[in-house]
Amino acid sequence: MKIAVLTGAGISAESGIPTFRGPSGIWKTFKPEELATPQAFERDPKLVWEWYDWRRSIIKKAKPNKGHILIAHLEQLFEDFLLITQNVDGLHQKAGSKKVVELHGNIWRVLCTACGKKYYNYQVPLEEIPPRCKYCNGLLRPDVVWFGESLPKKEWETALEFVSSCSMLLVVGTSGVVYPAASLPFLAKQKGAKIVEINPEDTPISQIAHIRIRKKASEGMEEFLKML
């Protein structure tokens, strides 16, 4: 069996990382257009980096939860497996997942706006805000996908190709409203895959899911593995 998993912020919420769209979501306090756009960064890189420095400090303390660990275990059960995540926190890798595609980048990776180099920076708090490139002293930005930006081409093509031929897509803790990632379950269904949704609430994906597990990610993953 060829299995794909698509995860969103809901899986990391159990690790204490605020979701963007829940009742206590980050966007309730901050407006995304002020912080997570190329224009915001151009206008005030210091403000954007202060926000990312705060987010990194929250993520640094977080540990993978049972949901992350059970997805890593699922990978060991199936040779033909791909985890596609919208999260930028790196918790899937910490839990042991190896076959991971990060659609929205990684908060621990930086991209130089001058020389284009990318590398990981795990400093919390950052020594300098905004941080500068260790290669050319250019201005760094977080290597994440901001509003109005395209997904990384290679990662998106890998996700599309795998989802187009998988026999099952497991959708865990995603709101189903952030495109183009939210189109993947619809593509998988169209190509004949079984869709399993794990989410305590209804989402746009619920209407096409063959199986709906109305639980949070960790409990839902436990139930799914028992069903297998």
C-alpha atoms as a PDB file:
ATOM      1  CA  MET A   1       0.000   0.000   0.000  1.00  0.00           C
ATOM      2  CA  LYS A   2       1.208   3.502  -0.869  1.00  0.00           C
ATOM      3  CA  ILE A   3       0.367   5.930   1.963  1.00  0.00           C
ATOM      4  CA  ALA A   4       0.595   9.715   2.071  1.00  0.00           C
ATOM      5  CA  VAL A   5       0.027  11.831   5.179  1.00  0.00           C
ATOM      6  CA  LEU A   6      -0.817  15.545   5.119  1.00  0.00           C
ATOM      7  CA  THR A   7      -0.430  17.409   8.414  1.00  0.00           C
ATOM      8  CA  GLY A   8      -1.301  20.912   9.566  1.00  0.00           C
ATOM      9  CA  ALA A   9      -1.025  23.055  12.672  1.00  0.00           C
ATOM     10  CA  GLY A  10      -3.470  20.868  14.633  1.00  0.00           C
ATOM     11  CA  ILE A  11      -0.862  18.166  15.180  1.00  0.00           C
ATOM     12  CA  SER A  12       1.617  20.611  16.732  1.00  0.00           C
ATOM     13  CA  ALA A  13      -1.040  22.285  18.896  1.00  0.00           C
ATOM     14  CA  GLU A  14      -0.742  19.355  21.334  1.00  0.00           C
ATOM     15  CA  SER A  15       2.945  20.214  21.718  1.00  0.00           C
ATOM     16  CA  GLY A  16       1.998  23.724  22.870  1.00  0.00           C
ATOM     17  CA  ILE A  17       2.527  25.508  19.559  1.00  0.00           C
ATOM     18  CA  PRO A  18      -0.362  27.944  18.894  1.00  0.00           C
ATOM     19  CA  THR A  19      -2.363  27.294  15.723  1.00  0.00           C
ATOM     20  CA  PHE A  20      -3.015  30.104  13.280  1.00  0.00           C
ATOM     21  CA  ARG A  21      -6.751  29.686  13.012  1.00  0.00           C
ATOM     22  CA  GLY A  22      -7.927  28.186  16.320  1.00  0.00           C
ATOM     23  CA  PRO A  23      -9.693  30.176  19.087  1.00  0.00           C
ATOM     24  CA  SER A  24      -6.322  31.230  20.504  1.00  0.00           C
ATOM     25  CA  GLY A  25      -4.607  31.350  17.117  1.00  0.00           C
ATOM     26  CA  ILE A  26      -1.628  33.589  16.497  1.00  0.00           C
ATOM     27  CA  TRP A  27      -3.529  35.601  13.872  1.00  0.00           C
ATOM     28  CA  LYS A  28      -6.074  36.678  16.513  1.00  0.00           C
ATOM     29  CA  THR A  29      -3.294  38.774  18.068  1.00  0.00           C
ATOM     30  CA  PHE A  30      -1.290  39.698  14.977  1.00  0.00           C
ATOM     31  CA  LYS A  31      -2.432  40.499  11.461  1.00  0.00           C
ATOM     32  CA  PRO A  32      -0.670  38.253   8.943  1.00  0.00           C
ATOM     33  CA  GLU A  33      -0.362  41.075   6.418  1.00  0.00           C
ATOM     34  CA  GLU A  34       1.708  42.986   8.987  1.00  0.00           C
ATOM     35  CA  LEU A  35       4.131  40.156   9.703  1.00  0.00           C
ATOM     36  CA  ALA A  36       4.176  37.290   7.209  1.00  0.00           C
ATOM     37  CA  THR A  37       4.500  38.913   3.800  1.00  0.00           C
ATOM     38  CA  PRO A  38       7.456  40.014   1.672  1.00  0.00           C
ATOM     39  CA  GLN A  39       6.078  43.569   1.882  1.00  0.00           C
ATOM     40  CA  ALA A  40       6.074  43.509   5.698  1.00  0.00           C
ATOM     41  CA  PHE A  41       9.668  42.280   5.685  1.00  0.00           C
ATOM     42  CA  GLU A  42      10.729  44.990   3.261  1.00  0.00           C
ATOM     43  CA  ARG A  43       8.968  47.602   5.394  1.00  0.00           C
ATOM     44  CA  ASP A  44      10.244  46.483   8.793  1.00  0.00           C
ATOM     45  CA  PRO A  45      12.582  43.448   8.888  1.00  0.00           C
ATOM     46  CA  LYS A  46      13.284  44.045  12.596  1.00  0.00           C
ATOM     47  CA  LEU A  47       9.600  43.767  13.564  1.00  0.00           C
ATOM     48  CA  VAL A  48       9.149  40.597  11.466  1.00  0.00           C
ATOM     49  CA  TRP A  49      12.261  39.022  12.969  1.00  0.00           C
ATOM     50  CA  GLU A  50      11.188  39.919  16.523  1.00  0.00           C
ATOM     51  CA  TRP A  51       7.967  38.000  15.878  1.00  0.00           C
ATOM     52  CA  TYR A  52       9.829  35.018  14.414  1.00  0.00           C
ATOM     53  CA  ASP A  53      12.302  35.106  17.301  1.00  0.00           C
ATOM     54  CA  TRP A  54       9.297  34.845  19.683  1.00  0.00           C
ATOM     55  CA  ARG A  55       7.824  31.965  17.660  1.00  0.00           C
ATOM     56  CA  ARG A  56      11.179  30.169  17.609  1.00  0.00           C
ATOM     57  CA  SER A  57      11.416  30.490  21.403  1.00  0.00           C
ATOM     58  CA  ILE A  58       8.028  28.732  21.754  1.00  0.00           C
ATOM     59  CA  ILE A  59       8.966  25.990  19.274  1.00  0.00           C
ATOM     60  CA  LYS A  60      12.378  25.444  20.908  1.00  0.00           C
ATOM     61  CA  LYS A  61      10.648  24.349  24.143  1.00  0.00           C
ATOM     62  CA  ALA A  62       8.154  22.097  22.341  1.00  0.00           C
ATOM     63  CA  LYS A  63       8.601  18.336  22.108  1.00  0.00           C
ATOM     64  CA  PRO A  64       7.030  15.983  19.563  1.00  0.00           C
ATOM     65  CA  ASN A  65       3.751  14.572  20.892  1.00  0.00           C
ATOM     66  CA  LYS A  66       2.232  11.124  20.441  1.00  0.00           C
ATOM     67  CA  GLY A  67       0.700  12.192  17.106  1.00  0.00           C
ATOM     68  CA  HIS A  68       4.134  13.014  15.656  1.00  0.00           C
ATOM     69  CA  ILE A  69       5.598   9.786  17.062  1.00  0.00           C
ATOM     70  CA  LEU A  70       2.803   7.587  15.672  1.00  0.00           C
ATOM     71  CA  ILE A  71       3.207   9.120  12.206  1.00  0.00           C
ATOM     72  CA  ALA A  72       6.937   8.309  12.393  1.00  0.00           C
ATOM     73  CA  HIS A  73       5.935   4.745  13.371  1.00  0.00           C
ATOM     74  CA  LEU A  74       3.535   4.567  10.392  1.00  0.00           C
ATOM     75  CA  GLU A  75       6.468   5.379   8.099  1.00  0.00           C
ATOM     76  CA  GLN A  76       8.275   2.286   9.388  1.00  0.00           C
ATOM     77  CA  LEU A  77       5.277   0.078   8.538  1.00  0.00           C
ATOM     78  CA  PHE A  78       5.061   1.125   4.870  1.00  0.00           C
ATOM     79  CA  GLU A  79       7.976   1.297   2.474  1.00  0.00           C
ATOM     80  CA  ASP A  80       6.003   3.462   0.032  1.00  0.00           C
ATOM     81  CA  PHE A  81       5.302   6.437   2.314  1.00  0.00           C
ATOM     82  CA  LEU A  82       5.455  10.236   2.225  1.00  0.00           C
ATOM     83  CA  LEU A  83       4.687  12.793   4.922  1.00  0.00           C
ATOM     84  CA  ILE A  84       3.675  16.187   3.535  1.00  0.00           C
ATOM     85  CA  THR A  85       3.513  18.897   6.190  1.00  0.00           C
ATOM     86  CA  GLN A  86       2.350  22.503   6.198  1.00  0.00           C
ATOM     87  CA  ASN A  87       4.156  23.010   9.522  1.00  0.00           C
ATOM     88  CA  VAL A  88       7.490  24.817   9.754  1.00  0.00           C
ATOM     89  CA  ASP A  89       8.457  23.664  13.269  1.00  0.00           C
ATOM     90  CA  GLY A  90      10.565  20.577  12.426  1.00  0.00           C
ATOM     91  CA  LEU A  91       8.808  18.433  15.078  1.00  0.00           C
ATOM     92  CA  HIS A  92       8.104  15.591  12.628  1.00  0.00           C
ATOM     93  CA  GLN A  93      11.839  15.161  12.035  1.00  0.00           C
ATOM     94  CA  LYS A  94      12.474  15.329  15.793  1.00  0.00           C
ATOM     95  CA  ALA A  95       9.955  12.503  16.216  1.00  0.00           C
ATOM     96  CA  GLY A  96      11.903  10.352  13.745  1.00  0.00           C
ATOM     97  CA  SER A  97      10.113  10.962  10.421  1.00  0.00           C
ATOM     98  CA  LYS A  98      12.529  10.677   7.503  1.00  0.00           C
ATOM     99  CA  LYS A  99      10.425  10.947   4.334  1.00  0.00           C
ATOM    100  CA  VAL A 100       9.169  14.498   4.899  1.00  0.00           C
ATOM    101  CA  VAL A 101       8.221  17.224   2.432  1.00  0.00           C
ATOM    102  CA  GLU A 102       7.921  20.688   4.042  1.00  0.00           C
ATOM    103  CA  LEU A 103       5.521  22.658   1.838  1.00  0.00           C
ATOM    104  CA  HIS A 104       5.825  25.901   3.807  1.00  0.00           C
ATOM    105  CA  GLY A 105       9.543  25.812   4.637  1.00  0.00           C
ATOM    106  CA  ASN A 106      11.264  25.531   8.008  1.00  0.00           C
ATOM    107  CA  ILE A 107      11.444  28.180  10.737  1.00  0.00           C
ATOM    108  CA  TRP A 108      14.974  27.038  11.693  1.00  0.00           C
ATOM    109  CA  ARG A 109      16.327  27.625   8.190  1.00  0.00           C
ATOM    110  CA  VAL A 110      17.404  31.073   7.028  1.00  0.00           C
ATOM    111  CA  LEU A 111      17.712  32.437   3.509  1.00  0.00           C
ATOM    112  CA  CYS A 112      20.080  35.237   2.568  1.00  0.00           C
ATOM    113  CA  THR A 113      18.354  37.965   0.562  1.00  0.00           C
ATOM    114  CA  ALA A 114      21.730  38.963  -0.914  1.00  0.00           C
ATOM    115  CA  CYS A 115      23.685  35.795  -1.841  1.00  0.00           C
ATOM    116  CA  GLY A 116      20.771  33.314  -1.783  1.00  0.00           C
ATOM    117  CA  LYS A 117      22.455  30.789   0.530  1.00  0.00           C
ATOM    118  CA  LYS A 118      20.275  28.742   2.909  1.00  0.00           C
ATOM    119  CA  TYR A 119      21.387  27.222   6.196  1.00  0.00           C
ATOM    120  CA  TYR A 120      20.031  26.252   9.596  1.00  0.00           C
ATOM    121  CA  ASN A 121      20.275  28.623  12.555  1.00  0.00           C
ATOM    122  CA  TYR A 122      19.101  27.289  15.931  1.00  0.00           C
ATOM    123  CA  GLN A 123      20.002  30.348  18.061  1.00  0.00           C
ATOM    124  CA  VAL A 124      17.275  31.255  20.559  1.00  0.00           C
ATOM    125  CA  PRO A 125      17.141  34.144  21.157  1.00  0.00           C
ATOM    126  CA  LEU A 126      18.918  35.415  18.070  1.00  0.00           C
ATOM    127  CA  GLU A 127      22.157  37.284  18.813  1.00  0.00           C
ATOM    128  CA  GLU A 128      21.273  40.033  16.359  1.00  0.00           C
ATOM    129  CA  ILE A 129      17.891  41.208  15.022  1.00  0.00           C
ATOM    130  CA  PRO A 130      17.593  41.272  12.090  1.00  0.00           C
ATOM    131  CA  PRO A 131      20.276  38.565  11.638  1.00  0.00           C
ATOM    132  CA  ARG A 132      22.958  38.825   8.965  1.00  0.00           C
ATOM    133  CA  CYS A 133      24.352  36.150   6.628  1.00  0.00           C
ATOM    134  CA  LYS A 134      27.436  34.298   7.889  1.00  0.00           C
ATOM    135  CA  TYR A 135      28.743  34.133   4.294  1.00  0.00           C
ATOM    136  CA  CYS A 136      28.237  37.670   2.952  1.00  0.00           C
ATOM    137  CA  ASN A 137      26.715  39.711   5.819  1.00  0.00           C
ATOM    138  CA  GLY A 138      23.535  40.208   3.753  1.00  0.00           C
ATOM    139  CA  LEU A 139      20.104  40.467   5.378  1.00  0.00           C
ATOM    140  CA  LEU A 140      18.628  37.084   6.305  1.00  0.00           C
ATOM    141  CA  ARG A 141      14.949  36.152   6.204  1.00  0.00           C
ATOM    142  CA  PRO A 142      13.210  33.046   7.559  1.00  0.00           C
ATOM    143  CA  ASP A 143      13.118  30.325   4.880  1.00  0.00           C
ATOM    144  CA  VAL A 144       9.345  29.984   5.116  1.00  0.00           C
ATOM    145  CA  VAL A 145       6.561  30.610   2.611  1.00  0.00           C
ATOM    146  CA  TRP A 146       4.862  33.924   3.283  1.00  0.00           C
ATOM    147  CA  PHE A 147       1.398  35.049   2.156  1.00  0.00           C
ATOM    148  CA  GLY A 148       1.508  35.876  -1.533  1.00  0.00           C
ATOM    149  CA  GLU A 149       4.543  33.632  -2.215  1.00  0.00           C
ATOM    150  CA  SER A 150       4.635  30.401  -4.221  1.00  0.00           C
ATOM    151  CA  LEU A 151       5.381  27.046  -2.633  1.00  0.00           C
ATOM    152  CA  PRO A 152       8.903  25.676  -3.234  1.00  0.00           C
ATOM    153  CA  LYS A 153       8.749  24.065  -6.702  1.00  0.00           C
ATOM    154  CA  LYS A 154      10.581  20.817  -5.944  1.00  0.00           C
ATOM    155  CA  GLU A 155       8.608  20.096  -2.746  1.00  0.00           C
ATOM    156  CA  TRP A 156       5.256  20.854  -4.377  1.00  0.00           C
ATOM    157  CA  GLU A 157       6.015  18.651  -7.402  1.00  0.00           C
ATOM    158  CA  THR A 158       7.097  15.784  -5.104  1.00  0.00           C
ATOM    159  CA  ALA A 159       3.854  16.095  -3.125  1.00  0.00           C
ATOM    160  CA  LEU A 160       1.692  16.239  -6.282  1.00  0.00           C
ATOM    161  CA  GLU A 161       3.377  13.228  -7.854  1.00  0.00           C
ATOM    162  CA  PHE A 162       3.101  11.056  -4.740  1.00  0.00           C
ATOM    163  CA  VAL A 163      -0.492  12.034  -3.919  1.00  0.00           C
ATOM    164  CA  SER A 164      -1.556  11.372  -7.532  1.00  0.00           C
ATOM    165  CA  SER A 165      -0.629   7.701  -7.173  1.00  0.00           C
ATOM    166  CA  CYS A 166      -1.160   6.898  -3.464  1.00  0.00           C
ATOM    167  CA  SER A 167      -3.799   4.409  -2.328  1.00  0.00           C
ATOM    168  CA  MET A 168      -4.566   6.273   0.910  1.00  0.00           C
ATOM    169  CA  LEU A 169      -4.177   9.854   2.120  1.00  0.00           C
ATOM    170  CA  LEU A 170      -4.359  10.517   5.826  1.00  0.00           C
ATOM    171  CA  VAL A 171      -5.171  14.173   6.621  1.00  0.00           C
ATOM    172  CA  VAL A 172      -4.237  15.125  10.191  1.00  0.00           C
ATOM    173  CA  GLY A 173      -4.943  18.407  11.971  1.00  0.00           C
ATOM    174  CA  THR A 174      -5.291  20.680   8.979  1.00  0.00           C
ATOM    175  CA  SER A 175      -7.998  23.321   8.538  1.00  0.00           C
ATOM    176  CA  GLY A 176      -8.317  22.517   4.841  1.00  0.00           C
ATOM    177  CA  VAL A 177      -8.469  26.194   3.886  1.00  0.00           C
ATOM    178  CA  VAL A 178      -4.843  26.999   3.020  1.00  0.00           C
ATOM    179  CA  TYR A 179      -4.247  26.531  -0.690  1.00  0.00           C
ATOM    180  CA  PRO A 180      -2.641  25.018  -2.639  1.00  0.00           C
ATOM    181  CA  ALA A 181      -1.961  22.398   0.109  1.00  0.00           C
ATOM    182  CA  ALA A 182      -5.711  21.990   0.709  1.00  0.00           C
ATOM    183  CA  SER A 183      -6.164  20.802  -2.892  1.00  0.00           C
ATOM    184  CA  LEU A 184      -4.122  17.622  -2.278  1.00  0.00           C
ATOM    185  CA  PRO A 185      -6.940  15.550  -0.673  1.00  0.00           C
ATOM    186  CA  PHE A 186      -9.252  16.434  -3.586  1.00  0.00           C
ATOM    187  CA  LEU A 187      -6.586  15.365  -6.095  1.00  0.00           C
ATOM    188  CA  ALA A 188      -5.978  12.106  -4.203  1.00  0.00           C
ATOM    189  CA  LYS A 189      -9.731  11.325  -4.129  1.00  0.00           C
ATOM    190  CA  GLN A 190     -10.045  12.078  -7.833  1.00  0.00           C
ATOM    191  CA  LYS A 191      -7.214   9.609  -8.529  1.00  0.00           C
ATOM    192  CA  GLY A 192      -8.937   6.878  -6.517  1.00  0.00           C
ATOM    193  CA  ALA A 193      -7.268   7.118  -3.086  1.00  0.00           C
ATOM    194  CA  LYS A 194      -9.088   6.520   0.187  1.00  0.00           C
ATOM    195  CA  ILE A 195      -9.215   9.705   2.304  1.00  0.00           C
ATOM    196  CA  VAL A 196      -9.013   9.486   6.103  1.00  0.00           C
ATOM    197  CA  GLU A 197      -9.453  12.691   8.095  1.00  0.00           C
ATOM    198  CA  ILE A 198      -8.362  13.112  11.718  1.00  0.00           C
ATOM    199  CA  ASN A 199      -9.699  16.364  13.121  1.00  0.00           C
ATOM    200  CA  PRO A 200     -11.940  17.241  16.088  1.00  0.00           C
ATOM    201  CA  GLU A 201     -13.895  19.628  13.829  1.00  0.00           C
ATOM    202  CA  ASP A 202     -15.471  19.587  10.373  1.00  0.00           C
ATOM    203  CA  THR A 203     -13.352  21.027   7.559  1.00  0.00           C
ATOM    204  CA  PRO A 204     -13.876  21.409   3.796  1.00  0.00           C
ATOM    205  CA  ILE A 205     -12.073  18.037   3.459  1.00  0.00           C
ATOM    206  CA  SER A 206     -14.688  16.273   5.635  1.00  0.00           C
ATOM    207  CA  GLN A 207     -17.166  16.108   2.754  1.00  0.00           C
ATOM    208  CA  ILE A 208     -14.839  13.959   0.638  1.00  0.00           C
ATOM    209  CA  ALA A 209     -13.351  11.797   3.439  1.00  0.00           C
ATOM    210  CA  HIS A 210     -14.201   8.070   3.425  1.00  0.00           C
ATOM    211  CA  ILE A 211     -13.363   7.862   7.141  1.00  0.00           C
ATOM    212  CA  ARG A 212     -13.660  10.758   9.609  1.00  0.00           C
ATOM    213  CA  ILE A 213     -12.062  10.384  13.027  1.00  0.00           C
ATOM    214  CA  ARG A 214     -13.355  13.228  15.212  1.00  0.00           C
ATOM    215  CA  LYS A 215     -10.467  13.332  17.677  1.00  0.00           C
ATOM    216  CA  LYS A 216      -7.342  15.376  18.212  1.00  0.00           C
ATOM    217  CA  ALA A 217      -4.251  14.197  16.353  1.00  0.00           C
ATOM    218  CA  SER A 218      -2.653  11.919  18.976  1.00  0.00           C
ATOM    219  CA  GLU A 219      -5.890  10.072  19.855  1.00  0.00           C
ATOM    220  CA  GLY A 220      -6.945   9.938  16.209  1.00  0.00           C
ATOM    221  CA  MET A 221      -3.616   8.423  15.155  1.00  0.00           C
ATOM    222  CA  GLU A 222      -3.990   5.768  17.859  1.00  0.00           C
ATOM    223  CA  GLU A 223      -7.459   4.889  16.541  1.00  0.00           C
ATOM    224  CA  PHE A 224      -6.228   4.821  12.933  1.00  0.00           C
ATOM    225  CA  LEU A 225      -3.336   2.471  13.737  1.00  0.00           C
ATOM    226  CA  LYS A 226      -5.756   0.087  15.496  1.00  0.00           C
ATOM    227  CA  MET A 227      -7.958   0.119  12.385  1.00  0.00           C
ATOM    228  CA  LEU A 228      -4.961  -0.838  10.246  1.00  0.00           C
END
